[in-house]
Amino acid sequence: MAYFTRVFCSATRKPKIKEIFEKLKANGFDVSVDLSESELNTENWTHFELNYELEKLPLLLELNERGHSEEILEEEIDEFLSVIGKPKFYQKNRRKIISHLKNTNYIICIQLPTSDINDNGYNLNAVLMEYVCSDFSGLIQADEEGFYFDNNLVLKLE
């Protein structure tokens, strides 16, 4: 079984795999990927496996871009907008999330293998999401939890 986290990014520039890799290494994670140098240096990636411990399953990263990726981004956003519903006047965070979703250019989805992950894998995911969120104008969403601003749950999803 898998658990998904997503970062909805409104930036136009996408992270290169090498940038993700270097950021995680700088934060003390011993990560590896099985990609060529040219694959590491492109913004035009769609998915890759991020290894963090030899005996553990990797985290799977997927990038879905508006107007590409067989409309996966558009379907995900429509689904979340439907779940969130129309905000009431006083629901500032809900309005903020809806606005961000409508302005999303791409989603980075991280699949965590819950049957074979440890605290190091969860910590890696947290640092990865924070990096993408801060450097690429992101909004974090976690399955069975909700949406986060600045590491604070601001909209719980049922």
Foldseek 3Di string as FASTA:
>chain_A
DKWKKKKQFLFPQADAQLVLVVLLVVVPFPKDWDDDPVSRPDRPDAKTFIDRDPVFGTKIKGKDFPPDPVCPLVVVLVVVCVQLDDDDPPLVVSVVVNVSSVSGGMMIMIMDPVVTDDPSRVVSVVSSNVVCCVPRVIWMATPQAGTDDPNDRSDGGD
